[in-house]
PDB file of N, CA and C in Angstrom:
ATOM      1  N   UNK A   1      -5.546  -9.465  -7.658  1.00  0.00           N
ATOM      2  CA  UNK A   1      -5.317  -8.632  -6.935  1.00  0.00           C
ATOM      3  C   UNK A   1      -4.037  -7.576  -6.482  1.00  0.00           C
ATOM      4  N   UNK A   2      -3.642  -6.763  -6.000  1.00  0.00           N
ATOM      5  CA  UNK A   2      -2.857  -5.499  -6.155  1.00  0.00           C
ATOM      6  C   UNK A   2      -1.384  -5.988  -4.760  1.00  0.00           C
ATOM      7  N   UNK A   3      -0.334  -5.594  -4.876  1.00  0.00           N
ATOM      8  CA  UNK A   3       0.136  -6.122  -3.596  1.00  0.00           C
ATOM      9  C   UNK A   3      -0.045  -4.736  -1.925  1.00  0.00           C
ATOM     10  N   UNK A   4      -0.581  -5.306  -1.283  1.00  0.00           N
ATOM     11  CA  UNK A   4      -0.349  -4.107  -0.048  1.00  0.00           C
ATOM     12  C   UNK A   4       1.028  -4.403   0.579  1.00  0.00           C
ATOM     13  N   UNK A   5       1.446  -3.299   1.478  1.00  0.00           N
ATOM     14  CA  UNK A   5       2.117  -2.610   1.952  1.00  0.00           C
ATOM     15  C   UNK A   5       2.095  -2.761   3.886  1.00  0.00           C
ATOM     16  N   UNK A   6       2.195  -3.462   5.348  1.00  0.00           N
ATOM     17  CA  UNK A   6       1.554  -3.140   6.197  1.00  0.00           C
ATOM     18  C   UNK A   6       2.851  -2.150   6.787  1.00  0.00           C
ATOM     19  N   UNK A   7       2.218  -0.992   6.661  1.00  0.00           N
ATOM     20  CA  UNK A   7       2.923   0.217   7.330  1.00  0.00           C
ATOM     21  C   UNK A   7       3.233   0.105   9.081  1.00  0.00           C
ATOM     22  N   UNK A   8       4.323   0.687   9.641  1.00  0.00           N
ATOM     23  CA  UNK A   8       4.634  -0.015  10.814  1.00  0.00           C
ATOM     24  C   UNK A   8       4.819  -1.301  11.614  1.00  0.00           C
ATOM     25  N   UNK A   9       5.258  -2.033  10.591  1.00  0.00           N
ATOM     26  CA  UNK A   9       4.803  -3.735  10.883  1.00  0.00           C
ATOM     27  C   UNK A   9       6.659  -3.926  11.086  1.00  0.00           C
ATOM     28  N   UNK A  10       7.121  -2.878  11.421  1.00  0.00           N
ATOM     29  CA  UNK A  10       8.026  -3.368  12.165  1.00  0.00           C
ATOM     30  C   UNK A  10       8.139  -3.729  13.849  1.00  0.00           C
ATOM     31  N   UNK A  11       7.159  -2.480  14.240  1.00  0.00           N
ATOM     32  CA  UNK A  11       6.594  -2.630  15.829  1.00  0.00           C
ATOM     33  C   UNK A  11       5.906  -3.161  15.978  1.00  0.00           C
ATOM     34  N   UNK A  12       5.433  -4.568  15.306  1.00  0.00           N
ATOM     35  CA  UNK A  12       4.187  -5.133  15.108  1.00  0.00           C
ATOM     36  C   UNK A  12       3.124  -4.581  15.838  1.00  0.00           C
ATOM     37  N   UNK A  13       2.642  -3.624  14.486  1.00  0.00           N
ATOM     38  CA  UNK A  13       1.046  -3.074  13.896  1.00  0.00           C
ATOM     39  C   UNK A  13       0.688  -4.879  14.016  1.00  0.00           C
ATOM     40  N   UNK A  14      -0.762  -4.141  13.846  1.00  0.00           N
ATOM     41  CA  UNK A  14      -1.667  -5.686  13.295  1.00  0.00           C
ATOM     42  C   UNK A  14      -2.832  -4.977  11.651  1.00  0.00           C
ATOM     43  N   UNK A  15      -2.416  -4.969  10.707  1.00  0.00           N
ATOM     44  CA  UNK A  15      -3.025  -4.736   9.203  1.00  0.00           C
ATOM     45  C   UNK A  15      -4.399  -4.461  10.313  1.00  0.00           C
ATOM     46  N   UNK A  16      -4.719  -3.041   9.375  1.00  0.00           N
ATOM     47  CA  UNK A  16      -6.475  -2.807   8.948  1.00  0.00           C
ATOM     48  C   UNK A  16      -6.642  -1.674   8.846  1.00  0.00           C
ATOM     49  N   UNK A  17      -7.852  -0.456   8.394  1.00  0.00           N
ATOM     50  CA  UNK A  17      -7.539  -0.196   7.593  1.00  0.00           C
ATOM     51  C   UNK A  17      -6.641   1.728   7.610  1.00  0.00           C
ATOM     52  N   UNK A  18      -6.145   1.588   8.930  1.00  0.00           N
ATOM     53  CA  UNK A  18      -5.176   2.653   9.070  1.00  0.00           C
ATOM     54  C   UNK A  18      -3.904   2.545   8.239  1.00  0.00           C
ATOM     55  N   UNK A  19      -3.044   1.349   8.206  1.00  0.00           N
ATOM     56  CA  UNK A  19      -1.857   1.151   8.414  1.00  0.00           C
ATOM     57  C   UNK A  19      -1.127   0.243   6.993  1.00  0.00           C
ATOM     58  N   UNK A  20      -2.639  -0.149   6.226  1.00  0.00           N
ATOM     59  CA  UNK A  20      -2.806  -0.968   5.480  1.00  0.00           C
ATOM     60  C   UNK A  20      -2.565  -0.027   3.656  1.00  0.00           C
ATOM     61  N   UNK A  21      -1.924  -0.371   3.300  1.00  0.00           N
ATOM     62  CA  UNK A  21      -1.287   1.353   1.840  1.00  0.00           C
ATOM     63  C   UNK A  21      -0.919   0.036   0.977  1.00  0.00           C
ATOM     64  N   UNK A  22      -1.785   0.167  -0.207  1.00  0.00           N
ATOM     65  CA  UNK A  22      -2.025  -0.213  -1.789  1.00  0.00           C
ATOM     66  C   UNK A  22      -0.226   0.332  -1.899  1.00  0.00           C
ATOM     67  N   UNK A  23       0.888  -1.102  -2.894  1.00  0.00           N
ATOM     68  CA  UNK A  23       2.087  -0.302  -2.952  1.00  0.00           C
ATOM     69  C   UNK A  23       2.248   0.418  -3.762  1.00  0.00           C
ATOM     70  N   UNK A  24       0.645  -0.085  -5.575  1.00  0.00           N
ATOM     71  CA  UNK A  24       1.175   0.418  -6.652  1.00  0.00           C
ATOM     72  C   UNK A  24       0.896   2.479  -6.544  1.00  0.00           C
ATOM     73  N   UNK A  25      -0.519   2.186  -5.557  1.00  0.00           N
ATOM     74  CA  UNK A  25      -0.175   3.727  -5.356  1.00  0.00           C
ATOM     75  C   UNK A  25       0.625   4.341  -4.791  1.00  0.00           C
ATOM     76  N   UNK A  26       1.748   4.209  -3.471  1.00  0.00           N
ATOM     77  CA  UNK A  26       2.596   4.115  -2.793  1.00  0.00           C
ATOM     78  C   UNK A  26       3.788   4.492  -2.616  1.00  0.00           C
ATOM     79  N   UNK A  27       4.178   3.494  -4.374  1.00  0.00           N
ATOM     80  CA  UNK A  27       5.187   3.570  -5.011  1.00  0.00           C
ATOM     81  C   UNK A  27       4.871   4.440  -6.193  1.00  0.00           C
ATOM     82  N   UNK A  28       4.085   5.009  -6.449  1.00  0.00           N
ATOM     83  CA  UNK A  28       3.892   5.728  -7.129  1.00  0.00           C
ATOM     84  C   UNK A  28       3.264   5.550  -9.098  1.00  0.00           C
ATOM     85  N   UNK A  29       3.228   4.105  -9.636  1.00  0.00           N
ATOM     86  CA  UNK A  29       3.014   3.334 -10.525  1.00  0.00           C
ATOM     87  C   UNK A  29       2.241   3.461 -11.050  1.00  0.00           C
ATOM     88  N   UNK A  30       1.455   4.341 -11.521  1.00  0.00           N
ATOM     89  CA  UNK A  30       0.049   4.538 -12.291  1.00  0.00           C
ATOM     90  C   UNK A  30       0.544   4.704 -13.728  1.00  0.00           C
ATOM     91  N   UNK A  31      -0.724   4.358 -14.276  1.00  0.00           N
ATOM     92  CA  UNK A  31      -0.374   4.066 -15.577  1.00  0.00           C
ATOM     93  C   UNK A  31      -1.024   5.211 -16.202  1.00  0.00           C
ATOM     94  N   UNK A  32      -0.210   6.345 -16.830  1.00  0.00           N
ATOM     95  CA  UNK A  32      -0.623   7.870 -16.635  1.00  0.00           C
ATOM     96  C   UNK A  32      -1.017   8.006 -17.872  1.00  0.00           C
ATOM     97  N   UNK A  33      -1.334   6.710 -19.301  1.00  0.00           N
ATOM     98  CA  UNK A  33      -1.980   7.675 -20.570  1.00  0.00           C
ATOM     99  C   UNK A  33      -3.747   6.855 -19.844  1.00  0.00           C
ATOM    100  N   UNK A  34      -3.354   5.929 -19.110  1.00  0.00           N
ATOM    101  CA  UNK A  34      -4.932   5.305 -18.867  1.00  0.00           C
ATOM    102  C   UNK A  34      -6.130   5.978 -17.354  1.00  0.00           C
ATOM    103  N   UNK A  35      -5.360   6.536 -16.682  1.00  0.00           N
ATOM    104  CA  UNK A  35      -5.555   7.253 -15.134  1.00  0.00           C
ATOM    105  C   UNK A  35      -6.225   8.899 -15.177  1.00  0.00           C
TER     106      UNK A  35
END
């Protein structure tokens, strides 16, 4: 399982499909040789 980031968590947002982001994609940690 990959770690996820909850956007707007400081404002009390609940986790749903709109504000839950994969942190590997968000941080740009892609494998340059296999993607």
